[in-house]
N, C-alpha and C. Protein backbone atom coordinates (compact mmCIF):
# COMPACT_ATOMS: atom_id res chain seq x y z
N MET A 1 -25.25 -76.42 -115.97
CA MET A 1 -24.62 -76.35 -116.88
C MET A 1 -25.45 -76.77 -118.23
N ALA A 2 -26.65 -77.82 -117.79
CA ALA A 2 -27.40 -78.19 -118.67
C ALA A 2 -28.60 -77.35 -118.89
N LYS A 3 -29.02 -76.44 -117.94
CA LYS A 3 -30.16 -75.41 -118.15
C LYS A 3 -29.50 -74.18 -118.99
N HIS A 4 -27.87 -74.27 -119.23
CA HIS A 4 -27.77 -73.23 -119.81
C HIS A 4 -27.10 -73.36 -121.18
N HIS A 5 -28.00 -74.80 -121.82
CA HIS A 5 -27.49 -75.63 -123.38
C HIS A 5 -26.08 -75.46 -123.22
N LEU A 6 -25.31 -75.77 -122.10
CA LEU A 6 -24.01 -76.54 -122.71
C LEU A 6 -24.05 -77.98 -123.06
N ARG A 7 -23.16 -78.38 -123.32
CA ARG A 7 -22.92 -80.01 -124.01
C ARG A 7 -22.09 -80.63 -123.31
N ARG A 8 -22.54 -82.12 -122.35
CA ARG A 8 -21.27 -82.38 -121.55
C ARG A 8 -20.92 -83.43 -122.48
N LEU A 9 -19.11 -83.12 -122.12
CA LEU A 9 -18.19 -84.07 -122.88
C LEU A 9 -17.94 -85.16 -122.26
N SER A 10 -17.73 -84.81 -120.75
CA SER A 10 -17.15 -86.16 -120.28
C SER A 10 -17.46 -85.50 -118.58
N VAL A 11 -17.48 -86.35 -117.78
CA VAL A 11 -17.94 -85.55 -116.10
C VAL A 11 -17.22 -84.37 -115.62
N ASN A 12 -16.20 -83.69 -116.36
CA ASN A 12 -15.10 -82.74 -116.15
C ASN A 12 -15.23 -81.83 -117.37
N HIS A 13 -15.72 -82.05 -118.44
CA HIS A 13 -15.91 -81.05 -119.58
C HIS A 13 -16.88 -81.09 -120.35
N TRP A 14 -17.36 -79.41 -120.84
CA TRP A 14 -18.59 -79.35 -121.33
C TRP A 14 -18.45 -78.21 -122.49
N ALA A 15 -19.44 -78.04 -123.39
CA ALA A 15 -19.17 -77.83 -124.97
C ALA A 15 -19.97 -76.68 -125.03
N ARG A 16 -20.29 -75.25 -125.71
CA ARG A 16 -21.04 -74.74 -126.27
C ARG A 16 -21.41 -75.19 -127.78
N ASP A 17 -20.43 -75.19 -128.04
CA ASP A 17 -20.91 -75.67 -129.48
C ASP A 17 -19.98 -76.90 -130.22
N ASN A 18 -19.89 -77.06 -131.33
CA ASN A 18 -19.53 -78.00 -132.04
C ASN A 18 -17.60 -78.09 -132.19
N ARG A 19 -17.36 -76.69 -131.96
CA ARG A 19 -15.86 -76.52 -132.09
C ARG A 19 -14.91 -77.26 -131.11
N GLU A 20 -15.60 -77.45 -129.84
CA GLU A 20 -15.30 -78.05 -128.64
C GLU A 20 -15.19 -79.53 -128.55
N ARG A 21 -14.43 -80.18 -128.41
CA ARG A 21 -14.88 -81.77 -128.77
C ARG A 21 -13.86 -82.22 -127.64
N SER A 22 -13.15 -82.00 -127.05
CA SER A 22 -11.70 -82.21 -125.82
C SER A 22 -11.34 -83.66 -126.41
N CYS A 23 -10.61 -83.45 -127.32
CA CYS A 23 -10.23 -84.70 -127.91
C CYS A 23 -8.97 -84.87 -127.02
N TYR A 24 -8.03 -83.71 -126.83
CA TYR A 24 -7.03 -83.94 -126.07
C TYR A 24 -6.90 -84.67 -124.67
N ASN A 25 -8.18 -84.29 -124.11
CA ASN A 25 -8.94 -84.45 -122.75
C ASN A 25 -9.06 -85.86 -122.60
N SER A 26 -9.62 -86.30 -123.51
CA SER A 26 -10.11 -88.00 -123.98
C SER A 26 -8.85 -88.87 -124.18
N LEU A 27 -8.08 -88.40 -125.49
CA LEU A 27 -7.15 -89.39 -125.65
C LEU A 27 -5.95 -89.08 -124.75
N ALA A 28 -5.72 -88.16 -123.71
CA ALA A 28 -4.98 -88.09 -122.82
C ALA A 28 -4.93 -89.20 -121.96
N LYS A 29 -6.19 -89.87 -121.53
CA LYS A 29 -6.75 -90.85 -120.80
C LYS A 29 -6.87 -92.14 -121.31
N THR A 30 -6.30 -92.17 -122.60
CA THR A 30 -6.31 -93.83 -123.20
C THR A 30 -4.72 -94.23 -123.50
N THR A 31 -4.43 -95.29 -123.95
CA THR A 31 -3.10 -95.35 -124.79
C THR A 31 -2.55 -95.04 -125.62
N ALA A 32 -3.29 -93.57 -126.32
CA ALA A 32 -3.03 -93.34 -127.34
C ALA A 32 -1.87 -92.48 -127.30
N GLU A 33 -0.78 -92.39 -127.91
CA GLU A 33 0.42 -91.62 -128.03
C GLU A 33 0.19 -89.90 -128.05
N VAL A 34 0.30 -89.47 -127.42
CA VAL A 34 0.14 -87.72 -127.72
C VAL A 34 1.50 -86.86 -127.18
N LEU A 35 1.68 -86.10 -127.81
CA LEU A 35 3.01 -85.53 -128.13
C LEU A 35 2.95 -84.08 -127.19
N PRO A 36 3.41 -83.58 -125.88
CA PRO A 36 2.79 -82.67 -125.74
C PRO A 36 3.20 -81.57 -126.01
N LEU A 37 2.76 -80.66 -126.58
CA LEU A 37 2.96 -78.99 -127.14
C LEU A 37 2.28 -77.77 -126.10
N GLY A 38 3.22 -77.25 -125.46
CA GLY A 38 2.83 -76.03 -124.99
C GLY A 38 3.19 -75.91 -123.38
N ALA A 39 2.93 -75.19 -122.71
CA ALA A 39 3.03 -74.41 -121.18
C ALA A 39 1.96 -75.52 -120.54
N ASP A 40 2.82 -76.23 -119.75
CA ASP A 40 1.63 -77.56 -118.59
C ASP A 40 0.97 -78.63 -119.58
N ALA A 41 1.62 -78.62 -120.89
CA ALA A 41 1.20 -79.83 -121.82
C ALA A 41 1.77 -81.29 -121.23
N GLY A 42 0.46 -82.36 -120.98
CA GLY A 42 1.33 -83.37 -120.83
C GLY A 42 1.04 -84.57 -121.66
N GLY A 43 1.65 -85.31 -121.95
CA GLY A 43 1.72 -86.19 -123.11
C GLY A 43 2.34 -87.96 -122.74
N ASN A 44 2.04 -88.63 -123.97
CA ASN A 44 2.63 -90.01 -123.54
C ASN A 44 3.39 -90.93 -124.89
N VAL A 45 4.47 -90.84 -124.92
CA VAL A 45 5.01 -91.23 -126.28
C VAL A 45 6.07 -92.22 -125.93
N GLY A 46 6.09 -93.67 -126.74
CA GLY A 46 7.01 -94.52 -126.15
C GLY A 46 7.27 -95.07 -124.79
N GLY A 47 5.96 -95.29 -124.19
CA GLY A 47 5.99 -95.94 -123.07
C GLY A 47 6.72 -94.77 -121.80
N TYR A 48 6.85 -93.36 -122.23
CA TYR A 48 6.85 -92.71 -121.10
C TYR A 48 5.99 -91.29 -121.15
N GLY A 49 5.53 -90.95 -119.67
CA GLY A 49 4.95 -90.30 -119.61
C GLY A 49 5.54 -88.41 -119.93
N TYR A 50 5.32 -87.59 -120.19
CA TYR A 50 5.92 -85.98 -120.15
C TYR A 50 4.89 -85.22 -119.75
N VAL A 51 5.46 -83.99 -119.23
CA VAL A 51 5.09 -82.91 -119.04
C VAL A 51 5.95 -81.55 -118.92
N GLN A 52 5.29 -80.68 -120.00
CA GLN A 52 6.06 -79.38 -120.14
C GLN A 52 6.14 -78.39 -118.93
N HIS A 53 7.16 -77.74 -118.63
CA HIS A 53 6.84 -76.53 -117.80
C HIS A 53 5.22 -75.78 -117.52
N ARG A 54 5.47 -75.62 -116.47
CA ARG A 54 4.15 -75.30 -116.32
C ARG A 54 3.82 -73.78 -116.42
N LYS A 55 4.90 -72.98 -116.17
CA LYS A 55 5.14 -71.32 -115.85
C LYS A 55 5.45 -70.88 -117.49
N LEU A 56 4.33 -70.22 -118.00
CA LEU A 56 4.82 -69.62 -119.07
C LEU A 56 6.23 -69.30 -119.13
N GLU A 57 6.75 -68.56 -118.52
CA GLU A 57 7.95 -67.75 -118.44
C GLU A 57 8.95 -68.60 -118.77
N ARG A 58 9.22 -70.18 -117.85
CA ARG A 58 10.10 -70.81 -118.21
C ARG A 58 9.98 -71.38 -119.17
N TYR A 59 8.66 -72.19 -119.90
CA TYR A 59 8.51 -72.35 -120.77
C TYR A 59 8.73 -72.17 -121.98
N MET A 60 9.05 -71.10 -122.11
CA MET A 60 9.20 -69.43 -123.37
C MET A 60 10.85 -69.37 -123.13
N ASP A 61 11.10 -69.65 -121.84
CA ASP A 61 12.68 -69.51 -122.12
C ASP A 61 13.47 -70.65 -122.34
N ASP A 62 13.12 -71.59 -122.14
CA ASP A 62 13.77 -73.10 -122.90
C ASP A 62 13.44 -73.22 -124.01
N VAL A 63 12.27 -72.76 -124.48
CA VAL A 63 11.94 -72.86 -125.99
C VAL A 63 12.71 -71.86 -126.80
N ASN A 64 12.75 -70.38 -126.28
CA ASN A 64 13.84 -69.53 -126.99
C ASN A 64 15.14 -69.59 -126.87
N ASN A 65 16.02 -70.51 -125.93
CA ASN A 65 17.21 -71.04 -125.86
C ASN A 65 17.24 -72.33 -126.36
N GLN A 66 16.20 -72.79 -127.19
CA GLN A 66 16.57 -74.08 -127.74
C GLN A 66 17.02 -74.91 -127.00
N ARG A 67 16.15 -75.27 -125.74
CA ARG A 67 15.82 -76.57 -124.96
C ARG A 67 14.75 -77.10 -124.66
N ILE A 68 14.93 -78.51 -124.69
CA ILE A 68 13.27 -79.15 -124.21
C ILE A 68 12.49 -78.46 -123.11
N PRO A 69 11.58 -78.24 -123.52
CA PRO A 69 10.52 -77.32 -121.90
C PRO A 69 10.05 -78.53 -121.29
N LEU A 70 11.02 -79.27 -120.85
CA LEU A 70 10.44 -80.58 -120.09
C LEU A 70 10.77 -80.66 -118.63
N ALA A 71 9.31 -81.06 -117.99
CA ALA A 71 9.21 -80.61 -116.46
C ALA A 71 9.42 -81.70 -115.74
N MET A 72 8.97 -82.61 -116.51
CA MET A 72 9.03 -84.01 -116.02
C MET A 72 8.96 -84.95 -116.71
N MET A 73 9.09 -86.27 -116.54
CA MET A 73 9.42 -87.80 -117.33
C MET A 73 9.45 -88.53 -116.80
N VAL A 74 8.31 -89.64 -116.84
CA VAL A 74 8.39 -90.71 -116.07
C VAL A 74 8.23 -91.84 -116.47
N LYS A 75 8.56 -93.19 -116.77
CA LYS A 75 8.58 -94.50 -117.05
C LYS A 75 6.79 -94.91 -116.91
N SER A 76 6.31 -95.52 -118.05
CA SER A 76 4.79 -95.73 -117.65
C SER A 76 4.69 -97.15 -116.58
N SER A 77 3.84 -97.40 -116.24
CA SER A 77 3.67 -98.72 -115.31
C SER A 77 3.15 -99.67 -116.45
N PRO A 78 3.66 -100.95 -115.77
CA PRO A 78 3.30 -101.92 -116.64
C PRO A 78 1.69 -102.52 -117.03
N HIS A 79 1.15 -102.06 -116.15
CA HIS A 79 -0.35 -102.01 -115.83
C HIS A 79 -0.98 -100.61 -116.58
N ALA A 80 -0.11 -99.97 -117.35
CA ALA A 80 -0.77 -98.55 -117.99
C ALA A 80 -1.80 -98.78 -118.93
N ALA A 81 -2.49 -100.10 -119.66
CA ALA A 81 -3.20 -100.20 -120.13
C ALA A 81 -4.62 -99.93 -119.26
N VAL A 82 -4.57 -100.82 -118.32
CA VAL A 82 -5.76 -101.07 -117.14
C VAL A 82 -5.87 -99.44 -116.63
N ASN A 83 -5.00 -98.96 -116.44
CA ASN A 83 -4.98 -97.53 -115.72
C ASN A 83 -5.51 -96.40 -116.47
N THR A 84 -5.00 -96.62 -117.75
CA THR A 84 -5.88 -95.21 -118.76
C THR A 84 -7.17 -96.13 -118.92
N ALA A 85 -7.98 -96.99 -119.16
CA ALA A 85 -9.05 -97.71 -119.01
C ALA A 85 -9.92 -97.18 -117.94
N ILE A 86 -9.15 -96.96 -116.90
CA ILE A 86 -10.27 -96.93 -115.86
C ILE A 86 -10.35 -95.24 -115.82
N LYS A 87 -9.41 -94.54 -115.82
CA LYS A 87 -9.18 -93.29 -116.18
C LYS A 87 -10.15 -92.97 -117.22
N ALA A 88 -10.00 -93.45 -118.28
CA ALA A 88 -10.79 -93.05 -119.40
C ALA A 88 -12.68 -93.37 -119.40
N GLY A 89 -12.59 -94.56 -118.19
CA GLY A 89 -14.02 -95.14 -118.05
C GLY A 89 -14.58 -93.81 -116.98
N PHE A 90 -14.00 -93.56 -115.76
CA PHE A 90 -14.37 -92.19 -114.88
C PHE A 90 -14.39 -91.18 -115.84
N ASP A 91 -13.59 -90.79 -116.68
CA ASP A 91 -13.95 -89.89 -117.41
C ASP A 91 -15.41 -89.78 -118.22
N ARG A 92 -15.97 -90.75 -118.70
CA ARG A 92 -17.12 -91.04 -119.48
C ARG A 92 -18.22 -91.08 -118.38
N GLY A 93 -17.65 -91.54 -117.08
CA GLY A 93 -18.78 -91.69 -115.98
C GLY A 93 -19.21 -93.25 -116.06
N VAL A 94 -18.71 -94.14 -116.75
CA VAL A 94 -19.23 -95.06 -116.42
C VAL A 94 -17.71 -96.36 -116.95
N ILE A 95 -17.79 -97.52 -116.40
CA ILE A 95 -16.71 -98.54 -116.30
C ILE A 95 -17.35 -99.47 -117.18
N VAL A 96 -17.07 -100.05 -118.43
CA VAL A 96 -17.88 -101.20 -118.62
C VAL A 96 -16.97 -102.84 -118.48
N ALA A 97 -17.55 -103.64 -117.99
CA ALA A 97 -16.96 -104.84 -117.50
C ALA A 97 -16.24 -105.36 -118.51
N LYS A 98 -16.69 -105.70 -119.48
CA LYS A 98 -16.00 -105.92 -120.53
C LYS A 98 -14.69 -105.77 -120.83
N GLN A 99 -14.97 -104.56 -121.31
CA GLN A 99 -13.64 -103.35 -121.43
C GLN A 99 -12.74 -103.48 -120.60
N LEU A 100 -12.89 -103.59 -118.94
CA LEU A 100 -11.85 -103.34 -118.37
C LEU A 100 -11.33 -105.24 -117.81
N ASP A 101 -12.00 -105.93 -118.24
CA ASP A 101 -11.79 -107.36 -118.12
C ASP A 101 -10.43 -107.98 -119.30
N LYS A 102 -10.85 -107.33 -120.80
CA LYS A 102 -10.26 -107.26 -121.84
C LYS A 102 -8.70 -106.70 -121.49
N GLN A 103 -8.96 -105.11 -121.03
CA GLN A 103 -7.55 -104.94 -120.94
C GLN A 103 -6.71 -105.41 -120.15
N ALA A 104 -7.42 -106.06 -118.59
CA ALA A 104 -6.60 -106.54 -117.30
C ALA A 104 -6.12 -107.92 -118.11
N GLY A 105 -6.95 -108.78 -118.90
CA GLY A 105 -6.43 -110.14 -119.29
C GLY A 105 -7.12 -111.26 -118.42
N TRP A 106 -7.96 -110.54 -117.17
CA TRP A 106 -8.60 -111.57 -116.54
C TRP A 106 -9.70 -110.66 -115.83
N PRO A 107 -10.81 -111.73 -115.06
CA PRO A 107 -12.03 -111.04 -114.52
C PRO A 107 -11.94 -109.72 -113.51
N LEU A 108 -11.26 -108.75 -113.83
CA LEU A 108 -10.90 -107.61 -112.74
C LEU A 108 -11.85 -107.03 -112.27
N PHE A 109 -12.73 -106.74 -113.03
CA PHE A 109 -14.39 -106.18 -112.79
C PHE A 109 -14.95 -106.84 -111.20
N SER A 110 -15.39 -108.40 -111.75
CA SER A 110 -15.44 -109.12 -110.56
C SER A 110 -14.80 -108.87 -109.33
N PHE A 111 -13.54 -108.73 -109.74
CA PHE A 111 -12.70 -108.61 -108.64
C PHE A 111 -12.65 -107.80 -107.66
N CYS A 112 -12.99 -106.43 -108.40
CA CYS A 112 -13.47 -105.28 -107.72
C CYS A 112 -14.72 -105.38 -106.66
N MET A 113 -15.66 -105.92 -107.10
CA MET A 113 -16.89 -105.82 -106.57
C MET A 113 -16.88 -105.58 -105.71
N PRO A 114 -16.59 -106.04 -104.22
CA PRO A 114 -16.67 -105.54 -103.19
C PRO A 114 -16.61 -104.05 -103.12
N LEU A 115 -15.29 -103.25 -103.37
CA LEU A 115 -15.43 -102.14 -103.65
C LEU A 115 -16.09 -101.23 -104.28
N PHE A 116 -16.61 -101.98 -105.11
CA PHE A 116 -17.67 -101.22 -106.19
C PHE A 116 -19.05 -101.15 -105.21
N GLN A 117 -19.43 -102.44 -104.44
CA GLN A 117 -20.46 -102.48 -103.52
C GLN A 117 -20.31 -101.34 -102.41
N LEU A 118 -19.34 -101.19 -101.96
CA LEU A 118 -18.93 -100.14 -100.63
C LEU A 118 -19.49 -98.91 -101.63
N TRP A 119 -19.04 -98.45 -102.72
CA TRP A 119 -18.70 -97.64 -103.30
C TRP A 119 -20.48 -96.92 -103.41
N GLN A 120 -21.10 -97.93 -103.98
CA GLN A 120 -22.61 -98.04 -103.82
C GLN A 120 -23.45 -97.84 -102.38
N GLN A 121 -23.11 -98.19 -101.97
CA GLN A 121 -23.37 -97.98 -100.56
C GLN A 121 -23.36 -96.12 -99.94
N HIS A 122 -22.13 -96.08 -100.56
CA HIS A 122 -21.87 -94.50 -100.13
C HIS A 122 -22.55 -93.34 -101.37
N GLY A 123 -23.22 -94.21 -102.25
CA GLY A 123 -23.44 -93.06 -102.91
C GLY A 123 -22.88 -92.83 -104.13
N PHE A 124 -21.66 -93.27 -104.46
CA PHE A 124 -20.85 -93.12 -105.58
C PHE A 124 -21.35 -93.99 -106.82
N VAL A 125 -21.23 -94.57 -106.93
CA VAL A 125 -22.04 -95.70 -107.86
C VAL A 125 -23.11 -96.19 -108.08
N GLU A 126 -23.43 -96.83 -109.28
CA GLU A 126 -24.63 -97.69 -109.05
C GLU A 126 -24.13 -98.71 -110.22
N ILE A 127 -24.17 -99.94 -109.79
CA ILE A 127 -23.63 -101.42 -110.18
C ILE A 127 -25.23 -102.05 -110.75
N GLU A 128 -25.02 -102.01 -112.59
CA GLU A 128 -25.28 -102.37 -113.56
C GLU A 128 -25.38 -103.75 -114.29
N GLN A 129 -26.83 -104.38 -114.18
CA GLN A 129 -26.59 -105.63 -114.87
C GLN A 129 -27.75 -105.43 -116.18
N LEU A 130 -27.16 -105.62 -117.31
CA LEU A 130 -27.90 -105.67 -118.53
C LEU A 130 -27.68 -106.96 -119.10
N GLY A 131 -28.44 -107.85 -118.53
CA GLY A 131 -28.22 -109.01 -119.38
C GLY A 131 -26.44 -109.59 -119.39
N HIS A 132 -25.94 -109.79 -120.21
CA HIS A 132 -24.78 -110.32 -119.74
C HIS A 132 -23.58 -109.12 -120.04
N HIS A 133 -23.87 -108.40 -119.97
CA HIS A 133 -23.67 -106.57 -119.62
C HIS A 133 -23.46 -106.07 -118.14
N ARG A 134 -22.27 -106.05 -117.56
CA ARG A 134 -22.28 -105.34 -116.36
C ARG A 134 -21.77 -103.82 -116.76
N TYR A 135 -22.01 -103.00 -115.73
CA TYR A 135 -21.56 -101.51 -115.78
C TYR A 135 -21.21 -100.91 -114.77
N LEU A 136 -20.58 -100.27 -114.17
CA LEU A 136 -19.94 -99.55 -113.00
C LEU A 136 -20.47 -97.71 -113.46
N ASN A 137 -21.80 -97.34 -112.95
CA ASN A 137 -22.24 -95.91 -113.42
C ASN A 137 -21.74 -95.09 -112.39
N LEU A 138 -21.05 -93.99 -113.00
CA LEU A 138 -20.95 -92.90 -111.48
C LEU A 138 -22.15 -92.16 -111.49
N THR A 139 -22.48 -92.01 -110.07
CA THR A 139 -23.81 -91.14 -109.50
C THR A 139 -22.94 -89.64 -109.83
N LEU A 140 -23.89 -88.70 -109.73
CA LEU A 140 -23.59 -86.97 -109.34
C LEU A 140 -22.50 -86.89 -108.34
N ALA A 141 -22.36 -87.57 -107.19
CA ALA A 141 -21.66 -87.54 -106.27
C ALA A 141 -20.10 -88.24 -107.09
N GLY A 142 -20.44 -89.45 -107.54
CA GLY A 142 -19.33 -90.10 -107.99
C GLY A 142 -18.49 -89.33 -109.43
N GLN A 143 -19.57 -88.59 -109.85
CA GLN A 143 -18.75 -87.48 -110.97
C GLN A 143 -18.07 -86.62 -110.66
N PHE A 144 -18.21 -86.20 -109.21
CA PHE A 144 -17.62 -85.24 -108.85
C PHE A 144 -16.28 -85.51 -108.38
N TRP A 145 -16.34 -86.95 -107.68
CA TRP A 145 -14.91 -87.46 -107.17
C TRP A 145 -14.35 -88.24 -108.20
N ALA A 146 -14.56 -88.48 -109.23
CA ALA A 146 -14.29 -89.13 -110.41
C ALA A 146 -12.69 -89.73 -110.20
N VAL A 147 -11.82 -88.43 -109.97
CA VAL A 147 -10.38 -88.63 -110.34
C VAL A 147 -10.40 -89.02 -109.09
N THR A 148 -10.51 -88.99 -108.13
CA THR A 148 -10.55 -90.23 -106.42
C THR A 148 -10.64 -91.16 -106.63
N LEU A 149 -11.58 -91.46 -106.93
CA LEU A 149 -12.26 -92.67 -107.43
C LEU A 149 -11.51 -93.52 -108.14
N ALA A 150 -10.92 -92.81 -109.27
CA ALA A 150 -10.30 -93.72 -110.01
C ALA A 150 -8.78 -94.27 -109.73
N GLN A 151 -8.34 -93.11 -108.86
CA GLN A 151 -6.81 -93.24 -108.18
C GLN A 151 -6.78 -94.58 -107.33
N ALA A 152 -8.09 -94.29 -106.71
CA ALA A 152 -8.08 -95.58 -105.56
C ALA A 152 -8.26 -96.56 -106.27
N LEU A 153 -8.81 -96.64 -107.37
CA LEU A 153 -8.98 -97.91 -107.94
C LEU A 153 -7.99 -98.61 -108.39
N ILE A 154 -7.00 -97.67 -108.94
CA ILE A 154 -5.87 -97.91 -109.54
C ILE A 154 -4.72 -98.53 -108.37
N GLN A 155 -4.81 -97.74 -107.31
CA GLN A 155 -4.60 -98.19 -105.87
C GLN A 155 -4.76 -99.70 -105.69
N VAL A 156 -5.85 -99.53 -105.46
CA VAL A 156 -6.29 -100.93 -105.07
C VAL A 156 -5.73 -102.12 -105.71
N ILE A 157 -6.02 -102.25 -107.40
CA ILE A 157 -5.35 -103.15 -108.09
C ILE A 157 -3.31 -103.34 -108.06
N THR A 158 -3.12 -102.50 -108.28
CA THR A 158 -1.40 -101.86 -107.98
C THR A 158 -1.25 -103.02 -106.70
N THR A 159 -1.70 -102.73 -105.65
CA THR A 159 -1.56 -103.28 -104.28
C THR A 159 -1.74 -104.95 -104.46
N ALA A 160 -3.13 -105.25 -104.71
CA ALA A 160 -3.39 -106.57 -105.41
C ALA A 160 -2.48 -107.17 -106.06
N THR A 161 -1.99 -107.02 -107.08
CA THR A 161 -1.04 -107.21 -108.16
C THR A 161 0.29 -107.59 -107.50
N ILE A 162 0.82 -106.58 -106.76
CA ILE A 162 2.23 -106.49 -105.82
C ILE A 162 2.13 -107.89 -104.93
N LYS A 163 0.93 -107.90 -103.89
CA LYS A 163 0.87 -109.08 -102.97
C LYS A 163 0.61 -110.37 -103.78
N ALA A 164 0.13 -110.39 -105.17
CA ALA A 164 -0.12 -111.72 -105.89
C ALA A 164 1.29 -112.10 -106.43
N GLN A 165 1.94 -111.53 -106.46
CA GLN A 165 3.70 -111.66 -107.33
C GLN A 165 4.24 -112.10 -106.23
N SER A 166 4.11 -111.68 -104.85
CA SER A 166 4.99 -111.96 -103.93
C SER A 166 4.50 -113.15 -102.96
């Protein structure tokens, strides 16, 4: 992509020119409220995640018959802010320890260090320390597996939180 002069926006999105900024894709991975509009559009409003019907025919049938074209709605997790920070970080290709810990309200980055070290051994990430700042940088392999790694990290945190509460 870079050889063809496309500009990288995230680990999954590239742009030819300044018209493409991938705002929706970036905002959807944060705590920002995003109203879904269009077939297969997803968003988050008022603590609920929404997805419109995927098939255009079904979506248009609902719109034409003045029905809300809602395919799915789920209540956001109590850990939604941490989960979205993880998704946004993996989308950018880096998790910043200070930002993750701030969202979590506890030293989550350090808690996850054994997992990060394992990922580093397998070539998915590089753990970086610059003064007092720590980063988890995705390698090229990690960028390919970014969604899977983010989901795995969220699952580890969710499981650890459940065990700590019981």
